[in-house]
Amino acid sequence: FLRGTAKQQRNVMDALKNIGNILMIPIVCAGLKESEL
């Protein structure tokens, strides 16, 4: 997801947050060290 613009990154992560909120489930992400950005 870091390949996208800052706006695209926020949109994708907001979408993941919404999935977690609506379904009330935990989201687990995995990636390289730069994923923290």
Full PDB file with SEQRES, HELIX, SHEET, SSBOND, CRYST1, ORIGX, SCALE, CONECT and MASTER records, all heavy atoms in Angstrom:
SEQRES   1 A   37  PHE LEU ARG GLY THR ALA LYS GLN GLN ARG ASN VAL MET          
SEQRES   2 A   37  ASP ALA LEU LYS ASN ILE GLY ASN ILE LEU MET ILE PRO          
SEQRES   3 A   37  ILE VAL CYS ALA GLY LEU LYS GLU SER GLU LEU                  
HELIX    1 AA1 ALA A    6  LEU A   23  1                                  18    
HELIX    2 AA2 LYS A   33  GLU A   36  5                                   4    
CRYST1    1.000    1.000    1.000  90.00  90.00  90.00 P 1           1          
ORIGX1      1.000000  0.000000  0.000000        0.00000                         
ORIGX2      0.000000  1.000000  0.000000        0.00000                         
ORIGX3      0.000000  0.000000  1.000000        0.00000                         
SCALE1      1.000000  0.000000  0.000000        0.00000                         
SCALE2      0.000000  1.000000  0.000000        0.00000                         
SCALE3      0.000000  0.000000  1.000000        0.00000                         
ATOM      1  N   PHE A   1       0.813  -1.211   0.000  1.00  0.00           N  
ATOM      2  CA  PHE A   1       0.000   0.000   0.000  1.00  0.00           C  
ATOM      3  C   PHE A   1       0.851   1.268   0.000  1.00  0.00           C  
ATOM      4  O   PHE A   1       0.358   2.356  -0.320  1.00  0.00           O  
ATOM      5  CB  PHE A   1      -0.947   0.020   1.212  1.00  0.00           C  
ATOM      6  CG  PHE A   1      -2.010  -1.052   1.176  1.00  0.00           C  
ATOM      7  CD1 PHE A   1      -2.522  -1.587   2.344  1.00  0.00           C  
ATOM      8  CD2 PHE A   1      -2.490  -1.545  -0.032  1.00  0.00           C  
ATOM      9  CE1 PHE A   1      -3.509  -2.568   2.311  1.00  0.00           C  
ATOM     10  CE2 PHE A   1      -3.466  -2.528  -0.078  1.00  0.00           C  
ATOM     11  CZ  PHE A   1      -3.977  -3.041   1.096  1.00  0.00           C  
ATOM     12  N   LEU A   2       2.117   1.142   0.369  1.00  0.00           N  
ATOM     13  CA  LEU A   2       3.000   2.304   0.368  1.00  0.00           C  
ATOM     14  C   LEU A   2       3.269   2.820  -1.043  1.00  0.00           C  
ATOM     15  O   LEU A   2       3.774   3.930  -1.222  1.00  0.00           O  
ATOM     16  CB  LEU A   2       4.331   1.962   1.053  1.00  0.00           C  
ATOM     17  CG  LEU A   2       4.281   1.789   2.573  1.00  0.00           C  
ATOM     18  CD1 LEU A   2       5.581   1.208   3.089  1.00  0.00           C  
ATOM     19  CD2 LEU A   2       3.980   3.108   3.258  1.00  0.00           C  
ATOM     20  N   ARG A   3       2.929   2.005  -2.054  1.00  0.00           N  
ATOM     21  CA  ARG A   3       3.131   2.441  -3.433  1.00  0.00           C  
ATOM     22  C   ARG A   3       2.119   3.506  -3.851  1.00  0.00           C  
ATOM     23  O   ARG A   3       2.279   4.165  -4.870  1.00  0.00           O  
ATOM     24  CB  ARG A   3       3.027   1.240  -4.378  1.00  0.00           C  
ATOM     25  CG  ARG A   3       4.113   0.202  -4.139  1.00  0.00           C  
ATOM     26  CD  ARG A   3       3.872  -1.056  -4.933  1.00  0.00           C  
ATOM     27  NE  ARG A   3       4.882  -2.068  -4.628  1.00  0.00           N  
ATOM     28  CZ  ARG A   3       4.841  -3.306  -5.080  1.00  0.00           C  
ATOM     29  NH1 ARG A   3       3.857  -3.699  -5.854  1.00  0.00           N  
ATOM     30  NH2 ARG A   3       5.793  -4.165  -4.761  1.00  0.00           N  
ATOM     31  N   GLY A   4       1.048   3.627  -3.082  1.00  0.00           N  
ATOM     32  CA  GLY A   4       0.030   4.625  -3.390  1.00  0.00           C  
ATOM     33  C   GLY A   4       0.377   5.978  -2.809  1.00  0.00           C  
ATOM     34  O   GLY A   4       1.346   6.147  -2.059  1.00  0.00           O  
ATOM     35  N   THR A   5      -0.423   6.958  -3.154  1.00  0.00           N  
ATOM     36  CA  THR A   5      -0.242   8.301  -2.602  1.00  0.00           C  
ATOM     37  C   THR A   5      -0.639   8.291  -1.122  1.00  0.00           C  
ATOM     38  O   THR A   5      -1.256   7.336  -0.634  1.00  0.00           O  
ATOM     39  CB  THR A   5      -1.111   9.315  -3.343  1.00  0.00           C  
ATOM     40  OG1 THR A   5      -2.498   8.970  -3.146  1.00  0.00           O  
ATOM     41  CG2 THR A   5      -0.805   9.304  -4.842  1.00  0.00           C  
ATOM     42  N   ALA A   6      -0.309   9.364  -0.432  1.00  0.00           N  
ATOM     43  CA  ALA A   6      -0.673   9.468   0.988  1.00  0.00           C  
ATOM     44  C   ALA A   6      -2.190   9.361   1.156  1.00  0.00           C  
ATOM     45  O   ALA A   6      -2.678   8.717   2.085  1.00  0.00           O  
ATOM     46  CB  ALA A   6      -0.160  10.786   1.558  1.00  0.00           C  
ATOM     47  N   LYS A   7      -2.938   9.966   0.233  1.00  0.00           N  
ATOM     48  CA  LYS A   7      -4.400   9.910   0.303  1.00  0.00           C  
ATOM     49  C   LYS A   7      -4.906   8.489   0.103  1.00  0.00           C  
ATOM     50  O   LYS A   7      -5.807   8.023   0.815  1.00  0.00           O  
ATOM     51  CB  LYS A   7      -5.015  10.847  -0.741  1.00  0.00           C  
ATOM     52  CG  LYS A   7      -6.538  10.889  -0.687  1.00  0.00           C  
ATOM     53  CD  LYS A   7      -7.112  11.837  -1.721  1.00  0.00           C  
ATOM     54  CE  LYS A   7      -8.634  11.847  -1.653  1.00  0.00           C  
ATOM     55  NZ  LYS A   7      -9.226  12.759  -2.663  1.00  0.00           N  
ATOM     56  N   GLN A   8      -4.331   7.785  -0.893  1.00  0.00           N  
ATOM     57  CA  GLN A   8      -4.739   6.399  -1.144  1.00  0.00           C  
ATOM     58  C   GLN A   8      -4.442   5.513   0.063  1.00  0.00           C  
ATOM     59  O   GLN A   8      -5.248   4.659   0.436  1.00  0.00           O  
ATOM     60  CB  GLN A   8      -4.013   5.863  -2.386  1.00  0.00           C  
ATOM     61  CG  GLN A   8      -4.546   6.412  -3.698  1.00  0.00           C  
ATOM     62  CD  GLN A   8      -3.710   5.939  -4.885  1.00  0.00           C  
ATOM     63  OE1 GLN A   8      -2.475   5.898  -4.815  1.00  0.00           O  
ATOM     64  NE2 GLN A   8      -4.378   5.598  -5.971  1.00  0.00           N  
ATOM     65  N   GLN A   9      -3.280   5.724   0.690  1.00  0.00           N  
ATOM     66  CA  GLN A   9      -2.926   4.947   1.877  1.00  0.00           C  
ATOM     67  C   GLN A   9      -3.938   5.172   2.994  1.00  0.00           C  
ATOM     68  O   GLN A   9      -4.383   4.209   3.639  1.00  0.00           O  
ATOM     69  CB  GLN A   9      -1.531   5.327   2.360  1.00  0.00           C  
ATOM     70  CG  GLN A   9      -0.396   4.891   1.447  1.00  0.00           C  
ATOM     71  CD  GLN A   9       0.944   5.400   1.939  1.00  0.00           C  
ATOM     72  OE1 GLN A   9       1.199   5.459   3.134  1.00  0.00           O  
ATOM     73  NE2 GLN A   9       1.804   5.790   1.015  1.00  0.00           N  
ATOM     74  N   ARG A  10      -4.313   6.431   3.217  1.00  0.00           N  
ATOM     75  CA  ARG A  10      -5.291   6.745   4.267  1.00  0.00           C  
ATOM     76  C   ARG A  10      -6.641   6.100   3.959  1.00  0.00           C  
ATOM     77  O   ARG A  10      -7.301   5.558   4.849  1.00  0.00           O  
ATOM     78  CB  ARG A  10      -5.445   8.264   4.413  1.00  0.00           C  
ATOM     79  CG  ARG A  10      -4.312   8.940   5.152  1.00  0.00           C  
ATOM     80  CD  ARG A  10      -4.698  10.345   5.591  1.00  0.00           C  
ATOM     81  NE  ARG A  10      -5.056  11.196   4.458  1.00  0.00           N  
ATOM     82  CZ  ARG A  10      -4.182  11.908   3.750  1.00  0.00           C  
ATOM     83  NH1 ARG A  10      -2.896  11.881   4.070  1.00  0.00           N  
ATOM     84  NH2 ARG A  10      -4.592  12.651   2.750  1.00  0.00           N  
ATOM     85  N   ASN A  11      -7.037   6.164   2.679  1.00  0.00           N  
ATOM     86  CA  ASN A  11      -8.333   5.591   2.286  1.00  0.00           C  
ATOM     87  C   ASN A  11      -8.368   4.083   2.518  1.00  0.00           C  
ATOM     88  O   ASN A  11      -9.363   3.537   3.006  1.00  0.00           O  
ATOM     89  CB  ASN A  11      -8.628   5.899   0.818  1.00  0.00           C  
ATOM     90  CG  ASN A  11      -8.956   7.355   0.585  1.00  0.00           C  
ATOM     91  OD1 ASN A  11      -9.283   8.085   1.515  1.00  0.00           O  
ATOM     92  ND2 ASN A  11      -8.870   7.786  -0.671  1.00  0.00           N  
ATOM     93  N   VAL A  12      -7.271   3.420   2.158  1.00  0.00           N  
ATOM     94  CA  VAL A  12      -7.207   1.962   2.323  1.00  0.00           C  
ATOM     95  C   VAL A  12      -7.241   1.598   3.801  1.00  0.00           C  
ATOM     96  O   VAL A  12      -7.979   0.685   4.222  1.00  0.00           O  
ATOM     97  CB  VAL A  12      -5.945   1.389   1.642  1.00  0.00           C  
ATOM     98  CG1 VAL A  12      -5.702  -0.050   2.075  1.00  0.00           C  
ATOM     99  CG2 VAL A  12      -6.077   1.436   0.118  1.00  0.00           C  
ATOM    100  N   MET A  13      -6.469   2.304   4.602  1.00  0.00           N  
ATOM    101  CA  MET A  13      -6.429   1.992   6.021  1.00  0.00           C  
ATOM    102  C   MET A  13      -7.753   2.354   6.696  1.00  0.00           C  
ATOM    103  O   MET A  13      -8.196   1.671   7.619  1.00  0.00           O  
ATOM    104  CB  MET A  13      -5.262   2.711   6.699  1.00  0.00           C  
ATOM    105  CG  MET A  13      -3.883   2.246   6.211  1.00  0.00           C  
ATOM    106  SD  MET A  13      -3.631   0.453   6.309  1.00  0.00           S  
ATOM    107  CE  MET A  13      -3.563   0.203   8.085  1.00  0.00           C  
ATOM    108  N   ASP A  14      -8.402   3.422   6.237  1.00  0.00           N  
ATOM    109  CA  ASP A  14      -9.732   3.753   6.760  1.00  0.00           C  
ATOM    110  C   ASP A  14     -10.728   2.644   6.418  1.00  0.00           C  
ATOM    111  O   ASP A  14     -11.603   2.317   7.232  1.00  0.00           O  
ATOM    112  CB  ASP A  14     -10.220   5.082   6.171  1.00  0.00           C  
ATOM    113  CG  ASP A  14      -9.615   6.288   6.859  1.00  0.00           C  
ATOM    114  OD1 ASP A  14      -9.081   6.126   7.981  1.00  0.00           O  
ATOM    115  OD2 ASP A  14      -9.655   7.393   6.274  1.00  0.00           O  
ATOM    116  N   ALA A  15     -10.594   2.088   5.209  1.00  0.00           N  
ATOM    117  CA  ALA A  15     -11.483   0.994   4.809  1.00  0.00           C  
ATOM    118  C   ALA A  15     -11.278  -0.217   5.703  1.00  0.00           C  
ATOM    119  O   ALA A  15     -12.245  -0.870   6.123  1.00  0.00           O  
ATOM    120  CB  ALA A  15     -11.230   0.626   3.342  1.00  0.00           C  
ATOM    121  N   LEU A  16     -10.035  -0.518   6.025  1.00  0.00           N  
ATOM    122  CA  LEU A  16      -9.754  -1.633   6.933  1.00  0.00           C  
ATOM    123  C   LEU A  16     -10.326  -1.353   8.320  1.00  0.00           C  
ATOM    124  O   LEU A  16     -10.907  -2.234   8.961  1.00  0.00           O  
ATOM    125  CB  LEU A  16      -8.237  -1.869   7.036  1.00  0.00           C  
ATOM    126  CG  LEU A  16      -7.580  -2.697   5.929  1.00  0.00           C  
ATOM    127  CD1 LEU A  16      -6.075  -2.750   6.148  1.00  0.00           C  
ATOM    128  CD2 LEU A  16      -8.154  -4.103   5.885  1.00  0.00           C  
ATOM    129  N   LYS A  17     -10.167  -0.104   8.762  1.00  0.00           N  
ATOM    130  CA  LYS A  17     -10.700   0.285  10.084  1.00  0.00           C  
ATOM    131  C   LYS A  17     -12.216   0.115  10.108  1.00  0.00           C  
ATOM    132  O   LYS A  17     -12.785  -0.374  11.098  1.00  0.00           O  
ATOM    133  CB  LYS A  17     -10.303   1.732  10.375  1.00  0.00           C  
ATOM    134  CG  LYS A  17     -10.712   2.229  11.747  1.00  0.00           C  
ATOM    135  CD  LYS A  17     -10.108   3.605  12.024  1.00  0.00           C  
ATOM    136  CE  LYS A  17     -10.678   4.657  11.094  1.00  0.00           C  
ATOM    137  NZ  LYS A  17     -10.171   6.020  11.399  1.00  0.00           N  
ATOM    138  N   ASN A  18     -12.874   0.485   9.006  1.00  0.00           N  
ATOM    139  CA  ASN A  18     -14.328   0.358   8.935  1.00  0.00           C  
ATOM    140  C   ASN A  18     -14.773  -1.100   8.940  1.00  0.00           C  
ATOM    141  O   ASN A  18     -15.800  -1.441   9.536  1.00  0.00           O  
ATOM    142  CB  ASN A  18     -14.856   1.057   7.679  1.00  0.00           C  
ATOM    143  CG  ASN A  18     -14.786   2.558   7.783  1.00  0.00           C  
ATOM    144  OD1 ASN A  18     -14.755   3.112   8.888  1.00  0.00           O  
ATOM    145  ND2 ASN A  18     -14.722   3.246   6.647  1.00  0.00           N  
ATOM    146  N   ILE A  19     -14.007  -1.968   8.263  1.00  0.00           N  
ATOM    147  CA  ILE A  19     -14.336  -3.401   8.287  1.00  0.00           C  
ATOM    148  C   ILE A  19     -14.311  -3.896   9.734  1.00  0.00           C  
ATOM    149  O   ILE A  19     -15.207  -4.605  10.192  1.00  0.00           O  
ATOM    150  CB  ILE A  19     -13.353  -4.204   7.422  1.00  0.00           C  
ATOM    151  CG1 ILE A  19     -13.544  -3.880   5.939  1.00  0.00           C  
ATOM    152  CG2 ILE A  19     -13.536  -5.716   7.643  1.00  0.00           C  
ATOM    153  CD1 ILE A  19     -12.489  -4.485   5.024  1.00  0.00           C  
ATOM    154  N   GLY A  20     -13.256  -3.512  10.450  1.00  0.00           N  
ATOM    155  CA  GLY A  20     -13.141  -3.916  11.852  1.00  0.00           C  
ATOM    156  C   GLY A  20     -14.264  -3.377  12.704  1.00  0.00           C  
ATOM    157  O   GLY A  20     -14.809  -4.075  13.563  1.00  0.00           O  
ATOM    158  N   ASN A  21     -14.635  -2.104  12.460  1.00  0.00           N  
ATOM    159  CA  ASN A  21     -15.695  -1.473  13.248  1.00  0.00           C  
ATOM    160  C   ASN A  21     -17.059  -2.111  12.994  1.00  0.00           C  
ATOM    161  O   ASN A  21     -17.811  -2.394  13.917  1.00  0.00           O  
ATOM    162  CB  ASN A  21     -15.781   0.021  12.922  1.00  0.00           C  
ATOM    163  CG  ASN A  21     -14.627   0.803  13.518  1.00  0.00           C  
ATOM    164  OD1 ASN A  21     -13.914   0.297  14.371  1.00  0.00           O  
ATOM    165  ND2 ASN A  21     -14.438   2.021  13.066  1.00  0.00           N  
ATOM    166  N   ILE A  22     -17.378  -2.321  11.722  1.00  0.00           N  
ATOM    167  CA  ILE A  22     -18.703  -2.832  11.354  1.00  0.00           C  
ATOM    168  C   ILE A  22     -18.885  -4.283  11.794  1.00  0.00           C  
ATOM    169  O   ILE A  22     -19.919  -4.661  12.351  1.00  0.00           O  
ATOM    170  CB  ILE A  22     -18.932  -2.677   9.834  1.00  0.00           C  
ATOM    171  CG1 ILE A  22     -19.030  -1.193   9.463  1.00  0.00           C  
ATOM    172  CG2 ILE A  22     -20.194  -3.423   9.388  1.00  0.00           C  
ATOM    173  CD1 ILE A  22     -18.980  -0.916   7.977  1.00  0.00           C  
ATOM    174  N   LEU A  23     -17.861  -5.098  11.549  1.00  0.00           N  
ATOM    175  CA  LEU A  23     -17.962  -6.518  11.898  1.00  0.00           C  
ATOM    176  C   LEU A  23     -17.515  -6.795  13.326  1.00  0.00           C  
ATOM    177  O   LEU A  23     -17.718  -7.897  13.828  1.00  0.00           O  
ATOM    178  CB  LEU A  23     -17.122  -7.354  10.927  1.00  0.00           C  
ATOM    179  CG  LEU A  23     -17.524  -7.281   9.446  1.00  0.00           C  
ATOM    180  CD1 LEU A  23     -16.598  -8.143   8.606  1.00  0.00           C  
ATOM    181  CD2 LEU A  23     -18.966  -7.700   9.243  1.00  0.00           C  
ATOM    182  N   MET A  24     -16.883  -5.799  13.951  1.00  0.00           N  
ATOM    183  CA  MET A  24     -16.347  -5.954  15.318  1.00  0.00           C  
ATOM    184  C   MET A  24     -15.377  -7.128  15.398  1.00  0.00           C  
ATOM    185  O   MET A  24     -15.508  -8.027  16.228  1.00  0.00           O  
ATOM    186  CB  MET A  24     -17.485  -6.093  16.329  1.00  0.00           C  
ATOM    187  CG  MET A  24     -18.300  -4.821  16.473  1.00  0.00           C  
ATOM    188  SD  MET A  24     -19.513  -4.863  17.811  1.00  0.00           S  
ATOM    189  CE  MET A  24     -20.760  -5.947  17.090  1.00  0.00           C  
ATOM    190  N   ILE A  25     -14.401  -7.121  14.481  1.00  0.00           N  
ATOM    191  CA  ILE A  25     -13.355  -8.146  14.441  1.00  0.00           C  
ATOM    192  C   ILE A  25     -11.991  -7.468  14.435  1.00  0.00           C  
ATOM    193  O   ILE A  25     -11.850  -6.330  13.975  1.00  0.00           O  
ATOM    194  CB  ILE A  25     -13.478  -9.055  13.191  1.00  0.00           C  
ATOM    195  CG1 ILE A  25     -13.329  -8.236  11.900  1.00  0.00           C  
ATOM    196  CG2 ILE A  25     -14.794  -9.830  13.217  1.00  0.00           C  
ATOM    197  CD1 ILE A  25     -13.263  -9.089  10.638  1.00  0.00           C  
ATOM    198  N   PRO A  26     -10.955  -8.143  14.940  1.00  0.00           N  
ATOM    199  CA  PRO A  26      -9.600  -7.578  14.873  1.00  0.00           C  
ATOM    200  C   PRO A  26      -9.021  -7.708  13.467  1.00  0.00           C  
ATOM    201  O   PRO A  26      -9.291  -8.675  12.755  1.00  0.00           O  
ATOM    202  CB  PRO A  26      -8.809  -8.429  15.869  1.00  0.00           C  
ATOM    203  CG  PRO A  26      -9.555  -9.720  15.947  1.00  0.00           C  
ATOM    204  CD  PRO A  26     -10.990  -9.410  15.700  1.00  0.00           C  
ATOM    205  N   ILE A  27      -8.245  -6.705  13.086  1.00  0.00           N  
ATOM    206  CA  ILE A  27      -7.518  -6.718  11.813  1.00  0.00           C  
ATOM    207  C   ILE A  27      -6.040  -6.930  12.118  1.00  0.00           C  
ATOM    208  O   ILE A  27      -5.473  -6.251  12.984  1.00  0.00           O  
ATOM    209  CB  ILE A  27      -7.695  -5.386  11.057  1.00  0.00           C  
ATOM    210  CG1 ILE A  27      -9.179  -5.030  10.895  1.00  0.00           C  
ATOM    211  CG2 ILE A  27      -6.986  -5.445   9.711  1.00  0.00           C  
ATOM    212  CD1 ILE A  27      -9.965  -5.950  10.004  1.00  0.00           C  
ATOM    213  N   VAL A  28      -5.424  -7.867  11.419  1.00  0.00           N  
ATOM    214  CA  VAL A  28      -3.986  -8.120  11.565  1.00  0.00           C  
ATOM    215  C   VAL A  28      -3.327  -7.832  10.224  1.00  0.00           C  
ATOM    216  O   VAL A  28      -3.755  -8.347   9.184  1.00  0.00           O  
ATOM    217  CB  VAL A  28      -3.707  -9.572  11.992  1.00  0.00           C  
ATOM    218  CG1 VAL A  28      -2.199  -9.846  12.025  1.00  0.00           C  
ATOM    219  CG2 VAL A  28      -4.329  -9.860  13.355  1.00  0.00           C  
ATOM    220  N   CYS A  29      -2.313  -6.992  10.227  1.00  0.00           N  
ATOM    221  CA  CYS A  29      -1.557  -6.691   9.008  1.00  0.00           C  
ATOM    222  C   CYS A  29      -0.118  -7.170   9.193  1.00  0.00           C  
ATOM    223  O   CYS A  29       0.406  -7.171  10.306  1.00  0.00           O  
ATOM    224  CB  CYS A  29      -1.563  -5.191   8.717  1.00  0.00           C  
ATOM    225  SG  CYS A  29      -3.209  -4.515   8.427  1.00  0.00           S  
ATOM    226  N   ALA A  30       0.494  -7.584   8.090  1.00  0.00           N  
ATOM    227  CA  ALA A  30       1.886  -8.040   8.149  1.00  0.00           C  
ATOM    228  C   ALA A  30       2.639  -7.497   6.946  1.00  0.00           C  
ATOM    229  O   ALA A  30       2.098  -7.427   5.836  1.00  0.00           O  
ATOM    230  CB  ALA A  30       1.956  -9.564   8.166  1.00  0.00           C  
ATOM    231  N   GLY A  31       3.874  -7.092   7.174  1.00  0.00           N  
ATOM    232  CA  GLY A  31       4.658  -6.558   6.070  1.00  0.00           C  
ATOM    233  C   GLY A  31       6.084  -6.239   6.477  1.00  0.00           C  
ATOM    234  O   GLY A  31       6.513  -6.534   7.595  1.00  0.00           O  
ATOM    235  N   LEU A  32       6.805  -5.625   5.563  1.00  0.00           N  
ATOM    236  CA  LEU A  32       8.188  -5.247   5.815  1.00  0.00           C  
ATOM    237  C   LEU A  32       8.261  -4.115   6.843  1.00  0.00           C  
ATOM    238  O   LEU A  32       7.247  -3.508   7.192  1.00  0.00           O  
ATOM    239  CB  LEU A  32       8.852  -4.811   4.509  1.00  0.00           C  
ATOM    240  CG  LEU A  32       8.926  -5.878   3.402  1.00  0.00           C  
ATOM    241  CD1 LEU A  32       9.577  -5.298   2.145  1.00  0.00           C  
ATOM    242  CD2 LEU A  32       9.684  -7.111   3.877  1.00  0.00           C  
ATOM    243  N   LYS A  33       9.478  -3.842   7.288  1.00  0.00           N  
ATOM    244  CA  LYS A  33       9.659  -2.870   8.369  1.00  0.00           C  
ATOM    245  C   LYS A  33       9.070  -1.494   8.057  1.00  0.00           C  
ATOM    246  O   LYS A  33       8.552  -0.814   8.933  1.00  0.00           O  
ATOM    247  CB  LYS A  33      11.156  -2.741   8.697  1.00  0.00           C  
ATOM    248  CG  LYS A  33      11.743  -3.962   9.381  1.00  0.00           C  
ATOM    249  CD  LYS A  33      13.195  -3.772   9.754  1.00  0.00           C  
ATOM    250  CE  LYS A  33      14.115  -3.844   8.546  1.00  0.00           C  
ATOM    251  NZ  LYS A  33      15.546  -3.803   8.938  1.00  0.00           N  
ATOM    252  N   GLU A  34       9.119  -1.117   6.769  1.00  0.00           N  
ATOM    253  CA  GLU A  34       8.607   0.204   6.397  1.00  0.00           C  
ATOM    254  C   GLU A  34       7.085   0.304   6.489  1.00  0.00           C  
ATOM    255  O   GLU A  34       6.515   1.400   6.376  1.00  0.00           O  
ATOM    256  CB  GLU A  34       9.070   0.594   4.988  1.00  0.00           C  
ATOM    257  CG  GLU A  34       8.752  -0.416   3.910  1.00  0.00           C  
ATOM    258  CD  GLU A  34       9.912  -1.381   3.639  1.00  0.00           C  
ATOM    259  OE1 GLU A  34      10.659  -1.690   4.591  1.00  0.00           O  
ATOM    260  OE2 GLU A  34      10.037  -1.807   2.485  1.00  0.00           O  
ATOM    261  N   SER A  35       6.419  -0.820   6.702  1.00  0.00           N  
ATOM    262  CA  SER A  35       4.956  -0.803   6.831  1.00  0.00           C  
ATOM    263  C   SER A  35       4.499   0.087   7.972  1.00  0.00           C  
ATOM    264  O   SER A  35       3.370   0.595   7.972  1.00  0.00           O  
ATOM    265  CB  SER A  35       4.430  -2.224   7.069  1.00  0.00           C  
ATOM    266  OG  SER A  35       4.803  -3.088   6.022  1.00  0.00           O  
ATOM    267  N   GLU A  36       5.367   0.302   8.941  1.00  0.00           N  
ATOM    268  CA  GLU A  36       5.026   1.144  10.091  1.00  0.00           C  
ATOM    269  C   GLU A  36       4.698   2.573   9.656  1.00  0.00           C  
ATOM    270  O   GLU A  36       3.955   3.291  10.339  1.00  0.00           O  
ATOM    271  CB  GLU A  36       6.182   1.139  11.089  1.00  0.00           C  
ATOM    272  CG  GLU A  36       5.854   1.732  12.431  1.00  0.00           C  
ATOM    273  CD  GLU A  36       6.991   1.542  13.432  1.00  0.00           C  
ATOM    274  OE1 GLU A  36       7.987   0.853  13.121  1.00  0.00           O  
ATOM    275  OE2 GLU A  36       6.871   2.102  14.541  1.00  0.00           O  
ATOM    276  N   LEU A  37       5.236   2.969   8.496  1.00  0.00           N  
ATOM    277  CA  LEU A  37       4.986   4.323   7.992  1.00  0.00           C  
ATOM    278  C   LEU A  37       3.510   4.553   7.700  1.00  0.00           C  
ATOM    279  O   LEU A  37       3.027   5.691   7.751  1.00  0.00           O  
ATOM    280  CB  LEU A  37       5.807   4.567   6.709  1.00  0.00           C  
ATOM    281  CG  LEU A  37       7.329   4.591   6.855  1.00  0.00           C  
ATOM    282  CD1 LEU A  37       7.995   4.636   5.490  1.00  0.00           C  
ATOM    283  CD2 LEU A  37       7.765   5.768   7.715  1.00  0.00           C  
TER     284      LEU A  37                                                      
MASTER        0    0    0    2    0    0    0    6  283    1    0    3          
END                                                                             
